[in-house]
Amino acid sequence: MAARPREYAMAIESIVPHPVPNDLMPLQTISDRLRCTGHPASVSTIRRWMEEAEARNEAMYTVRRRSARGWRRDYVSFSDILLVHRDWVANKEP
């Protein structure tokens, strides 16, 4: 009886390059949800967090869409914003 060749499997986490669709939210919706936490963040603050993350090469997952009328709507991963919000609140607290 011939020996079977060994099969090797790699133990790695599956990498998902994109967040689930319901994780992407408009900036205003995210701002409204963060208002309920007691540590509100305006749309301009969220945009600043996005720019700071991009400057550190830790860009958040974002999607920019334009309508037929030309207005722009930015969507960003709510999970990414929650992590930045957590750090922001921790640094703000004494």
N, C-alpha and C. Protein backbone atom coordinates (compact mmCIF):
# COMPACT_ATOMS: atom_id res chain seq x y z
N MET A 1 0.84 -1.18 0.00
CA MET A 1 0.00 0.00 0.00
C MET A 1 0.89 1.25 0.00
N ALA A 2 0.64 2.12 -0.93
CA ALA A 2 1.46 3.32 -1.07
C ALA A 2 1.05 4.37 -0.04
N ALA A 3 2.02 5.09 0.42
CA ALA A 3 1.75 6.15 1.40
C ALA A 3 1.08 7.33 0.70
N ARG A 4 0.11 7.90 1.38
CA ARG A 4 -0.58 9.07 0.82
C ARG A 4 0.26 10.31 1.06
N PRO A 5 0.30 11.19 0.09
CA PRO A 5 1.05 12.43 0.33
C PRO A 5 0.39 13.25 1.44
N ARG A 6 1.21 13.94 2.18
CA ARG A 6 0.68 14.76 3.28
C ARG A 6 0.03 16.01 2.73
N GLU A 7 -1.06 16.38 3.33
CA GLU A 7 -1.73 17.62 2.97
C GLU A 7 -1.55 18.60 4.12
N TYR A 8 -1.10 19.74 3.78
CA TYR A 8 -0.88 20.77 4.79
C TYR A 8 -1.92 21.86 4.64
N ALA A 9 -2.35 22.34 5.74
CA ALA A 9 -3.31 23.45 5.74
C ALA A 9 -2.71 24.59 6.54
N MET A 10 -2.96 25.78 6.09
CA MET A 10 -2.47 26.94 6.81
C MET A 10 -3.55 27.45 7.75
N ALA A 11 -3.15 27.77 8.95
CA ALA A 11 -4.08 28.32 9.92
C ALA A 11 -4.00 29.84 9.85
N ILE A 12 -4.85 30.44 9.06
CA ILE A 12 -4.89 31.89 8.93
C ILE A 12 -6.32 32.36 9.06
N GLU A 13 -6.46 33.59 9.45
CA GLU A 13 -7.79 34.19 9.46
C GLU A 13 -8.14 34.59 8.04
N SER A 14 -9.37 34.42 7.71
CA SER A 14 -9.77 34.87 6.38
C SER A 14 -9.78 36.39 6.36
N ILE A 15 -9.27 36.95 5.31
CA ILE A 15 -9.16 38.39 5.20
C ILE A 15 -10.31 38.89 4.34
N VAL A 16 -11.08 39.78 4.91
CA VAL A 16 -12.20 40.36 4.19
C VAL A 16 -11.82 41.80 3.86
N PRO A 17 -11.61 42.12 2.58
CA PRO A 17 -11.12 43.45 2.24
C PRO A 17 -12.16 44.55 2.35
N HIS A 18 -13.42 44.20 2.44
CA HIS A 18 -14.47 45.21 2.50
C HIS A 18 -15.40 44.92 3.67
N PRO A 19 -15.89 45.96 4.33
CA PRO A 19 -16.84 45.73 5.41
C PRO A 19 -18.18 45.27 4.84
N VAL A 20 -18.99 44.73 5.71
CA VAL A 20 -20.32 44.33 5.26
C VAL A 20 -21.09 45.57 4.84
N PRO A 21 -22.00 45.46 3.89
CA PRO A 21 -22.68 46.65 3.36
C PRO A 21 -23.41 47.49 4.41
N ASN A 22 -24.00 46.86 5.42
CA ASN A 22 -24.73 47.67 6.39
C ASN A 22 -23.81 48.36 7.40
N ASP A 23 -22.48 48.16 7.28
CA ASP A 23 -21.54 48.86 8.14
C ASP A 23 -21.21 50.24 7.56
N LEU A 24 -21.42 50.42 6.27
CA LEU A 24 -21.17 51.72 5.65
C LEU A 24 -22.35 52.65 5.89
N MET A 25 -22.05 53.81 6.45
CA MET A 25 -23.11 54.77 6.78
C MET A 25 -22.69 56.17 6.36
N PRO A 26 -23.68 57.02 6.07
CA PRO A 26 -23.36 58.42 5.79
C PRO A 26 -22.82 59.11 7.04
N LEU A 27 -22.01 60.12 6.85
CA LEU A 27 -21.39 60.81 7.98
C LEU A 27 -22.42 61.42 8.92
N GLN A 28 -23.49 61.98 8.38
CA GLN A 28 -24.51 62.59 9.23
C GLN A 28 -25.19 61.54 10.12
N THR A 29 -25.45 60.36 9.60
CA THR A 29 -26.06 59.29 10.39
C THR A 29 -25.13 58.87 11.52
N ILE A 30 -23.85 58.76 11.22
CA ILE A 30 -22.88 58.40 12.25
C ILE A 30 -22.83 59.48 13.32
N SER A 31 -22.83 60.73 12.91
CA SER A 31 -22.82 61.83 13.87
C SER A 31 -24.06 61.79 14.76
N ASP A 32 -25.21 61.50 14.17
CA ASP A 32 -26.45 61.39 14.95
C ASP A 32 -26.36 60.26 15.97
N ARG A 33 -25.79 59.14 15.57
CA ARG A 33 -25.67 58.00 16.50
C ARG A 33 -24.69 58.27 17.63
N LEU A 34 -23.62 58.98 17.32
CA LEU A 34 -22.64 59.29 18.35
C LEU A 34 -23.16 60.33 19.34
N ARG A 35 -24.14 61.12 18.93
CA ARG A 35 -24.74 62.11 19.82
C ARG A 35 -25.36 61.42 21.03
N CYS A 36 -25.88 60.22 20.85
CA CYS A 36 -26.53 59.47 21.94
C CYS A 36 -25.54 58.92 22.96
N THR A 37 -24.25 58.95 22.65
CA THR A 37 -23.26 58.37 23.56
C THR A 37 -22.87 59.31 24.70
N GLY A 38 -23.23 60.57 24.58
CA GLY A 38 -22.78 61.55 25.57
C GLY A 38 -21.48 62.20 25.17
N HIS A 39 -20.88 61.72 24.10
CA HIS A 39 -19.65 62.30 23.55
C HIS A 39 -19.89 62.53 22.06
N PRO A 40 -20.66 63.57 21.72
CA PRO A 40 -21.01 63.78 20.31
C PRO A 40 -19.80 64.17 19.46
N ALA A 41 -19.90 63.85 18.18
CA ALA A 41 -18.88 64.24 17.22
C ALA A 41 -19.59 64.77 15.98
N SER A 42 -19.19 65.95 15.56
CA SER A 42 -19.82 66.56 14.39
C SER A 42 -19.31 65.90 13.11
N VAL A 43 -19.97 66.20 12.01
CA VAL A 43 -19.55 65.68 10.72
C VAL A 43 -18.13 66.16 10.39
N SER A 44 -17.84 67.42 10.72
CA SER A 44 -16.50 67.93 10.43
C SER A 44 -15.44 67.22 11.27
N THR A 45 -15.77 66.83 12.51
CA THR A 45 -14.84 66.08 13.35
C THR A 45 -14.59 64.70 12.75
N ILE A 46 -15.65 64.06 12.27
CA ILE A 46 -15.51 62.74 11.65
C ILE A 46 -14.65 62.83 10.39
N ARG A 47 -14.87 63.89 9.60
CA ARG A 47 -14.03 64.09 8.40
C ARG A 47 -12.56 64.28 8.80
N ARG A 48 -12.32 64.99 9.89
CA ARG A 48 -10.94 65.20 10.36
C ARG A 48 -10.31 63.87 10.76
N TRP A 49 -11.09 63.02 11.46
CA TRP A 49 -10.58 61.69 11.83
C TRP A 49 -10.20 60.90 10.59
N MET A 50 -11.02 60.99 9.54
CA MET A 50 -10.74 60.28 8.30
C MET A 50 -9.44 60.78 7.68
N GLU A 51 -9.25 62.11 7.66
CA GLU A 51 -8.03 62.69 7.09
C GLU A 51 -6.80 62.32 7.91
N GLU A 52 -6.93 62.32 9.24
CA GLU A 52 -5.81 61.96 10.10
C GLU A 52 -5.42 60.50 9.91
N ALA A 53 -6.40 59.63 9.77
CA ALA A 53 -6.12 58.21 9.54
C ALA A 53 -5.43 58.02 8.20
N GLU A 54 -5.86 58.76 7.20
CA GLU A 54 -5.24 58.67 5.87
C GLU A 54 -3.80 59.17 5.91
N ALA A 55 -3.54 60.21 6.68
CA ALA A 55 -2.18 60.75 6.80
C ALA A 55 -1.25 59.74 7.48
N ARG A 56 -1.79 58.91 8.37
CA ARG A 56 -0.99 57.87 9.04
C ARG A 56 -0.95 56.57 8.24
N ASN A 57 -1.49 56.57 7.05
CA ASN A 57 -1.61 55.36 6.21
C ASN A 57 -2.45 54.29 6.88
N GLU A 58 -3.42 54.70 7.67
CA GLU A 58 -4.37 53.80 8.30
C GLU A 58 -5.76 54.17 7.82
N ALA A 59 -5.87 54.36 6.52
CA ALA A 59 -7.12 54.88 5.97
C ALA A 59 -8.30 53.99 6.32
N MET A 60 -9.40 54.63 6.64
CA MET A 60 -10.64 53.92 6.92
C MET A 60 -11.30 53.56 5.60
N TYR A 61 -12.18 52.58 5.64
CA TYR A 61 -12.88 52.20 4.43
C TYR A 61 -13.97 53.23 4.16
N THR A 62 -13.85 53.92 3.06
CA THR A 62 -14.82 54.96 2.70
C THR A 62 -15.28 54.76 1.26
N VAL A 63 -16.47 55.26 0.98
CA VAL A 63 -17.02 55.25 -0.37
C VAL A 63 -17.60 56.63 -0.61
N ARG A 64 -17.23 57.22 -1.74
CA ARG A 64 -17.78 58.52 -2.11
C ARG A 64 -18.68 58.32 -3.31
N ARG A 65 -19.88 58.82 -3.22
CA ARG A 65 -20.84 58.68 -4.31
C ARG A 65 -21.35 60.04 -4.72
N ARG A 66 -21.58 60.21 -5.99
CA ARG A 66 -22.15 61.45 -6.51
C ARG A 66 -23.51 61.14 -7.10
N SER A 67 -24.42 62.06 -6.88
CA SER A 67 -25.76 61.90 -7.44
C SER A 67 -25.80 62.50 -8.84
N ALA A 68 -26.91 62.36 -9.49
CA ALA A 68 -27.09 62.94 -10.83
C ALA A 68 -27.03 64.46 -10.76
N ARG A 69 -27.41 65.03 -9.62
CA ARG A 69 -27.38 66.50 -9.44
C ARG A 69 -26.00 67.02 -9.07
N GLY A 70 -25.07 66.10 -8.79
CA GLY A 70 -23.70 66.53 -8.52
C GLY A 70 -23.32 66.60 -7.05
N TRP A 71 -24.26 66.40 -6.11
CA TRP A 71 -23.86 66.47 -4.71
C TRP A 71 -23.13 65.19 -4.33
N ARG A 72 -22.23 65.33 -3.38
CA ARG A 72 -21.40 64.21 -2.95
C ARG A 72 -21.91 63.69 -1.60
N ARG A 73 -21.89 62.39 -1.44
CA ARG A 73 -22.25 61.80 -0.16
C ARG A 73 -21.17 60.80 0.21
N ASP A 74 -20.57 61.00 1.36
CA ASP A 74 -19.51 60.10 1.82
C ASP A 74 -20.09 59.06 2.76
N TYR A 75 -19.67 57.84 2.55
CA TYR A 75 -20.01 56.74 3.45
C TYR A 75 -18.71 56.24 4.05
N VAL A 76 -18.75 55.87 5.31
CA VAL A 76 -17.56 55.36 5.98
C VAL A 76 -17.97 54.19 6.86
N SER A 77 -17.02 53.33 7.13
CA SER A 77 -17.28 52.16 7.97
C SER A 77 -17.57 52.63 9.40
N PHE A 78 -18.75 52.29 9.90
CA PHE A 78 -19.14 52.68 11.25
C PHE A 78 -18.21 52.03 12.28
N SER A 79 -17.77 50.80 12.01
CA SER A 79 -16.85 50.12 12.93
C SER A 79 -15.53 50.88 13.06
N ASP A 80 -15.01 51.38 11.92
CA ASP A 80 -13.77 52.15 11.97
C ASP A 80 -13.94 53.42 12.79
N ILE A 81 -15.07 54.09 12.60
CA ILE A 81 -15.34 55.33 13.34
C ILE A 81 -15.48 55.04 14.83
N LEU A 82 -16.13 53.93 15.18
CA LEU A 82 -16.29 53.61 16.60
C LEU A 82 -14.94 53.42 17.29
N LEU A 83 -13.98 52.82 16.60
CA LEU A 83 -12.64 52.65 17.18
C LEU A 83 -11.96 53.99 17.41
N VAL A 84 -12.06 54.87 16.44
CA VAL A 84 -11.46 56.21 16.57
C VAL A 84 -12.18 57.00 17.66
N HIS A 85 -13.50 56.89 17.71
CA HIS A 85 -14.29 57.59 18.73
C HIS A 85 -13.89 57.11 20.13
N ARG A 86 -13.70 55.80 20.28
CA ARG A 86 -13.27 55.24 21.57
C ARG A 86 -11.95 55.87 22.01
N ASP A 87 -10.98 55.93 21.09
CA ASP A 87 -9.68 56.52 21.43
C ASP A 87 -9.80 58.01 21.74
N TRP A 88 -10.63 58.71 20.98
CA TRP A 88 -10.84 60.13 21.18
C TRP A 88 -11.44 60.41 22.57
N VAL A 89 -12.43 59.62 22.96
CA VAL A 89 -13.06 59.80 24.28
C VAL A 89 -12.06 59.46 25.38
N ALA A 90 -11.29 58.39 25.20
CA ALA A 90 -10.30 58.02 26.21
C ALA A 90 -9.24 59.09 26.40
N ASN A 91 -8.84 59.75 25.32
CA ASN A 91 -7.84 60.82 25.43
C ASN A 91 -8.42 62.10 26.00
N LYS A 92 -9.74 62.28 25.85
CA LYS A 92 -10.41 63.49 26.37
C LYS A 92 -10.65 63.41 27.86
N GLU A 93 -10.92 62.20 28.35
CA GLU A 93 -11.24 62.01 29.77
C GLU A 93 -9.98 62.19 30.63
N PRO A 94 -10.16 62.80 31.81
CA PRO A 94 -8.98 62.98 32.71
C PRO A 94 -8.50 61.70 33.33
